[in-house]
């Protein structure tokens, strides 16, 4: 992969108010395991709601689109997906980007 071909994804989740803690724990597990266990995952931020909101966002950076596809096959992603299925009321993939420039 040539430098500058990283794949970035932004996802927003609306979470049932009574399930915020469960969703947050699963999101942090997915984030931690992704960065720790996947050579292709360069960054995975879980952004939490402010002022009592229930919308979370993920900002994820991968070495390539293939690295992101591999992420979706990982056990931690599947654990998160199971929790999301029961806690999320809406999911929006806002953007899919190719990161250009001097990012490392």
Foldseek 3Di string as FASTA:
>chain_A
DDPQQKKKWKKKFQWDLVCQVVLVVLLVQLQVCCCVPQPFWPHWDWADDPPSGRMIMIITIGRHVVSVVVSCVDPSVVVSVVSCVVTTPDMDTDDMDRGGDDDD
